[in-house]
Amino acid sequence: MNMDLFERNATTGQFPAQQPTAPLAERLRPTKLDDIVGQQLLLGEGKALSVFIERDEVPSMIFWGPPGCGKTTIARVIASHANADFFQLSAVASGVGDVRKVLDHAHANRTKLHRRTILFIDEIHRFNKAQQDALLHSVEDGDITFIGATTENPSFEVISPLLSRCMVYVLEPLSGDDLDALIDRALKSDLILRDQTIHIRKNERELLMLLAGGDARIMLNGLETALRLTKPGKDGERAITRGAIEGAFQRKPTKYDKGGEEHYNIISAFIKSMRGGDPDATIYWLARMLEGGEDPKFIARRMIVLASEDVGNADPQALPLAVSCFTAVDYVGMPEARIILAQVAAYLASAPKSNAPYMAIEEALEDVRRRSNEDVPLHLRNAPTNLMRDLHYGKDYKYSHQYDDHFVEQQYLPDALKDKIYYRPTDIGMEKAIHERLNRWWKRKQR
């Protein structure tokens, strides 16, 4: 394992010049803070992350953002500035043994040489719990400054103990202006392209950005491939055409911007089609998202929400099915994940619908916010001490299992809300049985 991926000059701390054989995106990768395109909310003058980098005081942190937005680039900039040993591992290709080698080196650094070690792990979400656990002790003790990069929500993909020890920085997708600036930089400053006369018009630039899905790495490498497919004119000039760009990506554009308006429009259409009971439209919008490069786990998460919010107790199996869908998508990945998503999306669209639990919690939250200090009735209170028993805590509580049908009518809400009804089940699907049962139990609270 070559752990010291960033082999820097020991005197200047700089990376060696990029090799001509490296892909265009790699040749253009910045090594200075000022050269990074985008992420000004994090890296602008006076912003926390730029201050940490300039002072060489970076904390343990996690970069969360879409592919090609600059996570690894920022890690390299930290490496250029850091007065520390810097190691990179990829969670795809590395295991616990690789991590422990770095951690042993880091411990010796701190205890014997009083030197810092920074460990950058790309795609940290691909490490399982045991692999992530291996980092905790070294992060806690300060043996390493940990930097992780992930395209997935850290709340779901990073274990809580590690997450609590890290700052989380959210990187935004690069804007059209950012991507346009990168194209200009490639044509003007790349060690190979700067000596050529290359023309690319506005429409072709926009197509390049669209097919790359906002991913700077894919866009730049697509540009380089399109150039190879473009024959020079008699004067040596190259004019990149739409056909060359489509040939580079081997597909025609699908209108879908993962970070922009179309992303929100199509996920909205997908959700509303499921809510509206149209499996055909549901599958169509699902296909649009998948063809546009949407993260299948993002789609699965939205289906989990819909299973509870819109199907609810009309079909209680919808929620565990949606959760199983997410798990299966995570295990299998694309392209097979499309089959699992289609199966569950069609089920949710065809299922009976009820938003009664959703409406119930919204109404209850409104009451809590308006009157948050209502007392718990005495008979519902716990009474672990003699004093509490003397104050009648728990007195007259009726234990449901001692009564017929394991139910007895008694007050559970605060006095001011004792007759309030929040949950109003419908007569649709399984919720009809719930409706009938509650009305049979609660003679004074008919729904």
Protein backbone atom coordinates (compact mmCIF):
# COMPACT_ATOMS: atom_id res chain seq x y z
CA MET A 1 0.00 0.00 0.00
CA ASN A 2 1.39 3.39 -0.99
CA MET A 3 -0.02 5.39 1.90
CA ASP A 4 1.89 8.58 1.20
CA LEU A 5 -0.10 9.29 -1.92
CA PHE A 6 0.81 12.97 -1.99
CA GLU A 7 4.58 12.87 -2.37
CA ARG A 8 5.52 16.46 -1.64
CA ASN A 9 8.83 18.27 -1.82
CA ALA A 10 10.23 18.19 1.72
CA THR A 11 11.51 21.77 1.48
CA THR A 12 8.68 23.60 -0.30
CA GLY A 13 5.78 21.37 0.75
CA GLN A 14 4.46 21.49 -2.84
CA PHE A 15 3.28 18.66 -5.06
CA PRO A 16 5.33 17.72 -8.12
CA ALA A 17 4.17 19.03 -11.49
CA GLN A 18 1.38 17.02 -13.04
CA GLN A 19 2.45 14.50 -15.64
CA PRO A 20 1.29 15.05 -19.26
CA THR A 21 -0.13 11.51 -19.26
CA ALA A 22 -2.50 12.30 -16.37
CA PRO A 23 -6.18 13.02 -17.24
CA LEU A 24 -7.08 16.68 -17.75
CA ALA A 25 -9.00 16.88 -14.47
CA GLU A 26 -5.91 15.70 -12.59
CA ARG A 27 -3.59 18.06 -14.45
CA LEU A 28 -5.80 20.99 -13.48
CA ARG A 29 -6.29 20.05 -9.82
CA PRO A 30 -5.36 23.11 -7.71
CA THR A 31 -2.76 22.96 -4.96
CA LYS A 32 -3.40 26.47 -3.62
CA LEU A 33 -6.45 27.79 -1.81
CA ASP A 34 -6.81 30.74 -4.18
CA ASP A 35 -7.01 28.44 -7.21
CA ILE A 36 -10.05 26.49 -6.02
CA VAL A 37 -13.20 27.24 -8.04
CA GLY A 38 -16.46 27.47 -6.08
CA GLN A 39 -17.21 26.72 -2.40
CA GLN A 40 -16.82 30.38 -1.43
CA LEU A 41 -19.18 29.90 1.52
CA LEU A 42 -16.50 27.64 3.02
CA LEU A 43 -13.31 28.92 1.45
CA GLY A 44 -13.92 32.64 1.01
CA GLU A 45 -11.72 35.13 2.81
CA GLY A 46 -12.25 34.95 6.57
CA LYS A 47 -14.40 31.78 6.38
CA ALA A 48 -13.71 29.14 9.02
CA LEU A 49 -12.29 26.46 6.75
CA SER A 50 -9.93 28.81 4.91
CA VAL A 51 -8.70 30.20 8.24
CA PHE A 52 -8.05 26.68 9.55
CA ILE A 53 -6.09 25.81 6.41
CA GLU A 54 -4.03 29.01 6.40
CA ARG A 55 -3.16 28.61 10.10
CA ASP A 56 -2.48 24.88 9.71
CA GLU A 57 -5.00 24.18 12.47
CA VAL A 58 -7.46 21.92 10.66
CA PRO A 59 -9.74 19.92 12.99
CA SER A 60 -11.05 16.44 12.29
CA MET A 61 -13.80 16.93 9.74
CA ILE A 62 -15.99 15.39 7.08
CA PHE A 63 -16.62 16.87 3.64
CA TRP A 64 -20.10 16.04 2.36
CA GLY A 65 -20.96 16.90 -1.21
CA PRO A 66 -21.76 15.55 -4.67
CA PRO A 67 -19.10 14.00 -6.91
CA GLY A 68 -16.71 16.41 -8.57
CA CYS A 69 -17.37 19.39 -6.29
CA GLY A 70 -13.85 19.62 -4.79
CA LYS A 71 -13.65 17.35 -1.74
CA THR A 72 -10.36 15.71 -2.70
CA THR A 73 -9.01 18.99 -4.04
CA ILE A 74 -9.49 20.67 -0.67
CA ALA A 75 -7.76 17.71 0.98
CA ARG A 76 -4.79 18.24 -1.32
CA VAL A 77 -4.69 21.93 -0.46
CA ILE A 78 -4.63 20.99 3.21
CA ALA A 79 -1.76 18.62 2.42
CA SER A 80 0.15 21.44 0.69
CA HIS A 81 -0.22 23.74 3.69
CA ALA A 82 0.08 21.21 6.50
CA ASN A 83 3.15 20.89 8.66
CA ALA A 84 2.23 17.26 9.17
CA ASP A 85 2.53 13.82 7.66
CA PHE A 86 -0.37 13.40 5.26
CA PHE A 87 -1.86 10.07 4.18
CA GLN A 88 -4.77 9.23 1.92
CA LEU A 89 -6.74 6.00 1.81
CA SER A 90 -9.67 5.08 -0.37
CA ALA A 91 -12.45 3.27 1.45
CA VAL A 92 -13.06 1.28 -1.74
CA ALA A 93 -9.58 -0.25 -1.81
CA SER A 94 -8.51 -0.19 1.86
CA GLY A 95 -9.38 -2.18 4.95
CA VAL A 96 -8.81 -2.09 8.70
CA GLY A 97 -5.23 -3.34 8.26
CA ASP A 98 -4.39 -0.37 6.05
CA VAL A 99 -5.95 2.01 8.56
CA ARG A 100 -4.01 0.49 11.46
CA LYS A 101 -0.69 0.95 9.66
CA VAL A 102 -1.37 4.66 9.41
CA LEU A 103 -2.60 4.83 13.01
CA ASP A 104 0.53 3.10 14.32
CA HIS A 105 2.68 5.55 12.37
CA ALA A 106 0.59 8.45 13.72
CA HIS A 107 0.92 7.28 17.33
CA ALA A 108 4.70 7.09 17.00
CA ASN A 109 4.68 10.52 15.39
CA ARG A 110 2.81 12.08 18.31
CA THR A 111 4.50 10.31 21.21
CA LYS A 112 8.09 10.24 19.94
CA LEU A 113 8.45 13.05 17.40
CA HIS A 114 5.66 15.40 18.56
CA ARG A 115 4.54 15.60 14.94
CA ARG A 116 1.00 15.70 13.60
CA THR A 117 -0.51 13.19 11.18
CA ILE A 118 -3.46 13.91 8.91
CA LEU A 119 -5.40 10.94 7.51
CA PHE A 120 -7.75 11.59 4.58
CA ILE A 121 -10.21 8.79 3.72
CA ASP A 122 -12.12 9.19 0.48
CA GLU A 123 -15.62 7.69 0.29
CA ILE A 124 -15.73 7.11 4.05
CA HIS A 125 -19.37 5.97 3.69
CA ARG A 126 -18.05 2.73 2.16
CA PHE A 127 -16.34 1.78 5.43
CA ASN A 128 -18.51 -0.44 7.59
CA LYS A 129 -19.07 0.12 11.32
CA ALA A 130 -16.05 -1.94 12.40
CA GLN A 131 -13.77 -0.10 9.99
CA GLN A 132 -15.02 3.27 11.20
CA ASP A 133 -14.72 2.15 14.83
CA ALA A 134 -11.00 1.58 14.25
CA LEU A 135 -10.52 5.34 13.86
CA LEU A 136 -12.21 6.44 17.09
CA HIS A 137 -9.42 5.95 19.62
CA SER A 138 -6.82 7.72 17.48
CA VAL A 139 -9.12 10.65 16.74
CA GLU A 140 -10.03 10.93 20.44
CA ASP A 141 -6.39 10.82 21.58
CA GLY A 142 -5.23 13.25 18.93
CA ASP A 143 -2.93 10.78 17.18
CA ILE A 144 -4.54 11.78 13.89
CA THR A 145 -6.48 14.64 12.42
CA PHE A 146 -9.10 12.78 10.44
CA ILE A 147 -10.61 14.10 7.21
CA GLY A 148 -13.33 12.08 5.51
CA ALA A 149 -15.05 12.70 2.19
CA THR A 150 -18.47 11.35 1.30
CA THR A 151 -21.21 11.83 -1.26
CA GLU A 152 -23.75 10.41 1.23
CA ASN A 153 -25.47 12.07 4.16
CA PRO A 154 -23.06 11.51 7.10
CA SER A 155 -26.01 11.22 9.48
CA PHE A 156 -26.90 7.96 7.74
CA GLU A 157 -23.50 6.67 6.66
CA VAL A 158 -21.03 7.65 9.43
CA ILE A 159 -21.28 6.12 12.90
CA SER A 160 -22.42 8.56 15.58
CA PRO A 161 -19.26 8.39 17.78
CA LEU A 162 -17.05 9.33 14.82
CA LEU A 163 -19.50 11.95 13.58
CA SER A 164 -19.56 13.62 17.00
CA ARG A 165 -15.78 14.05 16.90
CA CYS A 166 -15.76 15.78 13.51
CA MET A 167 -16.87 19.05 12.02
CA VAL A 168 -19.14 18.45 9.02
CA TYR A 169 -18.69 20.79 6.06
CA VAL A 170 -21.31 20.67 3.30
CA LEU A 171 -19.94 21.33 -0.19
CA GLU A 172 -22.38 22.66 -2.75
CA PRO A 173 -22.58 21.50 -6.38
CA LEU A 174 -20.51 23.69 -8.65
CA SER A 175 -22.56 26.35 -10.44
CA GLY A 176 -22.70 26.84 -14.18
CA ASP A 177 -20.39 29.84 -13.83
CA ASP A 178 -17.92 27.71 -11.83
CA LEU A 179 -17.90 24.99 -14.49
CA ASP A 180 -17.59 27.57 -17.26
CA ALA A 181 -14.57 29.05 -15.50
CA LEU A 182 -12.99 25.59 -15.31
CA ILE A 183 -13.40 25.14 -19.06
CA ASP A 184 -11.67 28.49 -19.63
CA ARG A 185 -8.88 27.52 -17.25
CA ALA A 186 -8.37 24.22 -19.06
CA LEU A 187 -8.10 25.90 -22.47
CA LYS A 188 -5.82 28.69 -21.28
CA SER A 189 -3.54 27.12 -18.68
CA ASP A 190 -3.36 23.35 -19.13
CA LEU A 191 0.16 22.34 -20.12
CA ILE A 192 -1.16 20.52 -23.22
CA LEU A 193 -4.24 22.48 -24.31
CA ARG A 194 -2.82 26.00 -23.88
CA ASP A 195 -0.65 25.62 -26.99
CA GLN A 196 -3.64 24.68 -29.18
CA THR A 197 -6.33 26.85 -30.74
CA ILE A 198 -9.61 25.43 -29.47
CA HIS A 199 -13.12 26.83 -29.85
CA ILE A 200 -16.17 25.71 -27.87
CA ARG A 201 -19.38 27.72 -28.15
CA LYS A 202 -21.88 28.50 -25.41
CA ASN A 203 -24.36 25.76 -26.44
CA GLU A 204 -21.63 23.13 -26.51
CA ARG A 205 -20.36 24.28 -23.11
CA GLU A 206 -23.83 23.90 -21.64
CA LEU A 207 -24.17 20.44 -23.18
CA LEU A 208 -20.84 19.42 -21.69
CA MET A 209 -21.97 20.58 -18.23
CA LEU A 210 -25.34 18.85 -18.61
CA LEU A 211 -23.90 15.48 -19.60
CA ALA A 212 -21.36 15.70 -16.78
CA GLY A 213 -24.18 16.22 -14.27
CA GLY A 214 -22.31 19.07 -12.59
CA ASP A 215 -19.30 16.85 -11.85
CA ALA A 216 -16.17 18.89 -12.65
CA ARG A 217 -13.97 15.81 -13.01
CA ILE A 218 -16.31 14.15 -15.51
CA MET A 219 -16.76 17.42 -17.40
CA LEU A 220 -13.04 18.06 -17.84
CA ASN A 221 -12.24 14.51 -18.84
CA GLY A 222 -15.23 14.59 -21.22
CA LEU A 223 -13.83 17.79 -22.73
CA GLU A 224 -10.49 16.09 -23.28
CA THR A 225 -12.14 13.08 -24.93
CA ALA A 226 -14.26 15.34 -27.16
CA LEU A 227 -11.08 17.09 -28.27
CA ARG A 228 -9.56 13.78 -29.28
CA LEU A 229 -12.66 13.12 -31.39
CA THR A 230 -12.38 16.53 -33.08
CA LYS A 231 -10.28 16.70 -36.22
CA PRO A 232 -8.22 19.88 -36.58
CA GLY A 233 -8.91 22.20 -39.50
CA LYS A 234 -6.37 23.16 -42.13
CA ASP A 235 -5.04 25.88 -39.84
CA GLY A 236 -4.80 23.50 -36.90
CA GLU A 237 -7.79 24.94 -35.05
CA ARG A 238 -10.27 22.63 -33.34
CA ALA A 239 -13.97 23.50 -32.99
CA ILE A 240 -15.71 21.15 -30.56
CA THR A 241 -19.13 20.11 -31.84
CA ARG A 242 -22.23 18.72 -30.19
CA GLY A 243 -21.59 15.39 -31.90
CA ALA A 244 -18.07 15.18 -30.46
CA ILE A 245 -19.39 15.82 -26.95
CA GLU A 246 -22.18 13.25 -27.29
CA GLY A 247 -19.62 10.83 -28.69
CA ALA A 248 -17.36 11.42 -25.71
CA PHE A 249 -20.16 10.58 -23.28
CA GLN A 250 -21.76 7.90 -25.49
CA ARG A 251 -25.25 9.20 -24.79
CA LYS A 252 -27.57 12.06 -25.60
CA PRO A 253 -28.51 14.55 -22.88
CA THR A 254 -31.36 13.93 -20.50
CA LYS A 255 -32.77 17.10 -19.01
CA TYR A 256 -31.93 16.58 -15.37
CA ASP A 257 -29.77 18.82 -13.19
CA LYS A 258 -29.00 16.98 -9.95
CA GLY A 259 -28.26 20.20 -8.12
CA GLY A 260 -30.75 22.53 -9.73
CA GLU A 261 -34.41 23.22 -10.42
CA GLU A 262 -35.03 20.14 -12.55
CA HIS A 263 -33.87 17.92 -9.67
CA TYR A 264 -36.58 19.36 -7.43
CA ASN A 265 -39.21 19.39 -10.19
CA ILE A 266 -38.78 15.71 -11.02
CA ILE A 267 -38.55 14.40 -7.46
CA SER A 268 -41.74 16.40 -6.77
CA ALA A 269 -43.46 14.81 -9.77
CA PHE A 270 -42.29 11.36 -8.60
CA ILE A 271 -43.66 11.83 -5.08
CA LYS A 272 -46.95 13.31 -6.26
CA SER A 273 -47.44 10.47 -8.75
CA MET A 274 -47.03 7.90 -5.97
CA ARG A 275 -49.31 9.89 -3.67
CA GLY A 276 -51.86 10.16 -6.48
CA GLY A 277 -51.95 6.41 -7.15
CA ASP A 278 -50.42 6.46 -10.66
CA PRO A 279 -47.78 3.71 -10.94
CA ASP A 280 -47.16 4.48 -14.63
CA ALA A 281 -46.19 8.10 -14.01
CA THR A 282 -44.25 6.98 -10.94
CA ILE A 283 -42.09 4.61 -12.99
CA TYR A 284 -41.56 7.24 -15.70
CA TRP A 285 -40.26 9.87 -13.27
CA LEU A 286 -38.14 7.22 -11.57
CA ALA A 287 -36.57 6.41 -14.95
CA ARG A 288 -35.92 10.11 -15.59
CA MET A 289 -34.04 10.42 -12.31
CA LEU A 290 -32.00 7.26 -12.79
CA GLU A 291 -31.07 8.15 -16.38
CA GLY A 292 -30.05 11.61 -15.18
CA GLY A 293 -27.64 10.11 -12.65
CA GLU A 294 -29.61 10.67 -9.46
CA ASP A 295 -28.35 8.86 -6.36
CA PRO A 296 -30.63 5.79 -5.99
CA LYS A 297 -30.34 6.01 -2.20
CA PHE A 298 -31.74 9.55 -2.30
CA ILE A 299 -34.76 8.19 -4.18
CA ALA A 300 -35.14 5.32 -1.69
CA ARG A 301 -35.07 7.75 1.27
CA ARG A 302 -37.86 9.80 -0.26
CA MET A 303 -39.90 6.62 -0.67
CA ILE A 304 -39.46 5.84 3.03
CA VAL A 305 -40.93 9.24 3.90
CA LEU A 306 -43.84 8.76 1.51
CA ALA A 307 -44.58 5.30 2.91
CA SER A 308 -45.25 6.86 6.30
CA GLU A 309 -46.59 10.27 5.33
CA ASP A 310 -48.95 9.25 2.53
CA VAL A 311 -49.64 5.51 2.87
CA GLY A 312 -49.47 5.34 6.65
CA ASN A 313 -51.65 2.82 8.44
CA ALA A 314 -53.83 2.24 5.41
CA ASP A 315 -51.09 -0.29 4.57
CA PRO A 316 -48.69 -0.69 7.53
CA GLN A 317 -46.44 -2.96 5.42
CA ALA A 318 -45.49 -0.03 3.18
CA LEU A 319 -42.99 1.46 5.63
CA PRO A 320 -40.96 -1.74 6.35
CA LEU A 321 -41.04 -2.48 2.62
CA ALA A 322 -39.62 0.98 1.84
CA VAL A 323 -36.92 0.56 4.50
CA SER A 324 -36.04 -2.83 3.01
CA CYS A 325 -35.85 -1.14 -0.38
CA PHE A 326 -33.23 1.30 0.91
CA THR A 327 -31.21 -1.55 2.42
CA ALA A 328 -31.38 -3.59 -0.76
CA VAL A 329 -30.39 -0.61 -2.93
CA ASP A 330 -27.45 0.04 -0.61
CA TYR A 331 -26.32 -3.60 -0.82
CA VAL A 332 -26.81 -4.08 -4.55
CA GLY A 333 -26.08 -0.70 -6.14
CA MET A 334 -26.76 0.27 -9.72
CA PRO A 335 -27.73 -0.89 -12.26
CA GLU A 336 -29.70 -3.69 -10.51
CA ALA A 337 -31.01 -1.23 -7.89
CA ARG A 338 -33.34 0.16 -10.57
CA ILE A 339 -35.38 -3.07 -10.39
CA ILE A 340 -35.79 -2.85 -6.63
CA LEU A 341 -36.74 0.83 -6.79
CA ALA A 342 -39.29 0.15 -9.52
CA GLN A 343 -40.89 -2.73 -7.56
CA VAL A 344 -41.36 -0.72 -4.38
CA ALA A 345 -42.32 2.51 -6.15
CA ALA A 346 -45.05 0.66 -8.03
CA TYR A 347 -46.28 -0.90 -4.75
CA LEU A 348 -46.39 2.47 -2.96
CA ALA A 349 -48.20 4.11 -5.86
CA SER A 350 -50.79 1.30 -5.89
CA ALA A 351 -51.24 1.10 -2.10
CA PRO A 352 -54.24 2.57 -0.25
CA LYS A 353 -53.44 6.00 1.16
CA SER A 354 -53.87 7.72 4.51
CA ASN A 355 -52.08 10.75 5.94
CA ALA A 356 -53.88 10.48 9.30
CA PRO A 357 -50.69 9.92 11.40
CA TYR A 358 -48.99 12.82 9.63
CA MET A 359 -51.91 15.14 10.33
CA ALA A 360 -52.07 13.90 13.93
CA ILE A 361 -48.44 14.75 14.75
CA GLU A 362 -48.72 18.15 13.06
CA GLU A 363 -51.79 19.04 15.12
CA ALA A 364 -50.21 17.74 18.33
CA LEU A 365 -47.03 19.75 17.69
CA GLU A 366 -49.11 22.87 17.24
CA ASP A 367 -50.75 22.30 20.65
CA VAL A 368 -47.38 21.58 22.29
CA ARG A 369 -45.90 24.80 20.94
CA ARG A 370 -48.86 26.85 22.13
CA ARG A 371 -49.19 25.20 25.55
CA SER A 372 -46.00 23.28 26.28
CA ASN A 373 -46.25 23.14 30.10
CA GLU A 374 -49.34 21.02 30.64
CA ASP A 375 -48.90 18.77 33.69
CA VAL A 376 -48.77 15.00 33.40
CA PRO A 377 -51.85 13.59 35.21
CA LEU A 378 -50.92 12.21 38.65
CA HIS A 379 -52.08 8.67 37.91
CA LEU A 380 -49.67 8.46 34.93
CA ARG A 381 -46.60 9.59 36.84
CA ASN A 382 -43.88 7.23 37.98
CA ALA A 383 -43.47 6.89 41.75
CA PRO A 384 -40.01 5.49 42.56
CA THR A 385 -39.76 7.19 46.00
CA ASN A 386 -41.93 7.32 49.16
CA LEU A 387 -42.29 11.09 48.78
CA MET A 388 -43.72 10.68 45.29
CA ARG A 389 -46.13 8.04 46.53
CA ASP A 390 -47.21 10.36 49.36
CA LEU A 391 -47.93 12.98 46.71
CA HIS A 392 -50.21 10.44 44.99
CA TYR A 393 -47.94 9.85 42.00
CA GLY A 394 -49.32 6.83 40.17
CA LYS A 395 -52.45 6.61 42.37
CA ASP A 396 -55.52 5.10 40.72
CA TYR A 397 -53.65 4.07 37.56
CA LYS A 398 -55.48 1.23 35.86
CA TYR A 399 -53.28 -1.53 34.37
CA SER A 400 -54.82 -2.30 30.96
CA HIS A 401 -53.95 -6.01 30.92
CA GLN A 402 -56.16 -6.65 33.98
CA TYR A 403 -59.29 -5.75 31.99
CA ASP A 404 -61.33 -7.39 29.25
CA ASP A 405 -59.87 -6.94 25.77
CA HIS A 406 -56.71 -5.65 27.56
CA PHE A 407 -58.24 -2.16 27.55
CA VAL A 408 -59.80 0.19 30.06
CA GLU A 409 -60.92 3.73 29.38
CA GLN A 410 -59.02 6.28 31.47
CA GLN A 411 -57.50 9.73 30.97
CA TYR A 412 -54.05 9.85 29.34
CA LEU A 413 -53.93 13.47 28.14
CA PRO A 414 -53.39 16.53 30.37
CA ASP A 415 -56.56 17.94 31.90
CA ALA A 416 -56.79 20.84 29.47
CA LEU A 417 -56.66 18.48 26.50
CA LYS A 418 -58.38 15.42 27.94
CA ASP A 419 -61.00 15.14 25.16
CA LYS A 420 -58.69 16.08 22.31
CA ILE A 421 -58.57 13.83 19.24
CA TYR A 422 -55.47 13.98 17.04
CA TYR A 423 -55.47 10.68 15.19
CA ARG A 424 -58.45 10.31 12.87
CA PRO A 425 -58.01 7.05 10.96
CA THR A 426 -59.75 6.72 7.63
CA ASP A 427 -61.90 3.84 6.44
CA ILE A 428 -59.31 2.91 3.81
CA GLY A 429 -57.29 -0.30 3.80
CA MET A 430 -56.05 -1.63 7.13
CA GLU A 431 -56.86 1.69 8.79
CA LYS A 432 -60.56 0.85 8.69
CA ALA A 433 -60.00 -1.89 11.29
CA ILE A 434 -58.01 0.56 13.44
CA HIS A 435 -60.85 3.09 13.17
CA GLU A 436 -63.45 0.54 14.25
CA ARG A 437 -61.30 -0.73 17.15
CA LEU A 438 -60.67 2.75 18.56
CA ASN A 439 -64.36 3.63 18.41
CA ARG A 440 -65.19 0.34 20.15
CA TRP A 441 -62.71 1.12 22.95
CA TRP A 442 -63.31 4.83 23.43
CA LYS A 443 -67.03 5.31 23.96
CA ARG A 444 -66.58 8.99 24.91
CA LYS A 445 -64.17 9.79 22.10
CA GLN A 446 -65.76 8.70 18.85
CA ARG A 447 -63.77 9.45 15.70
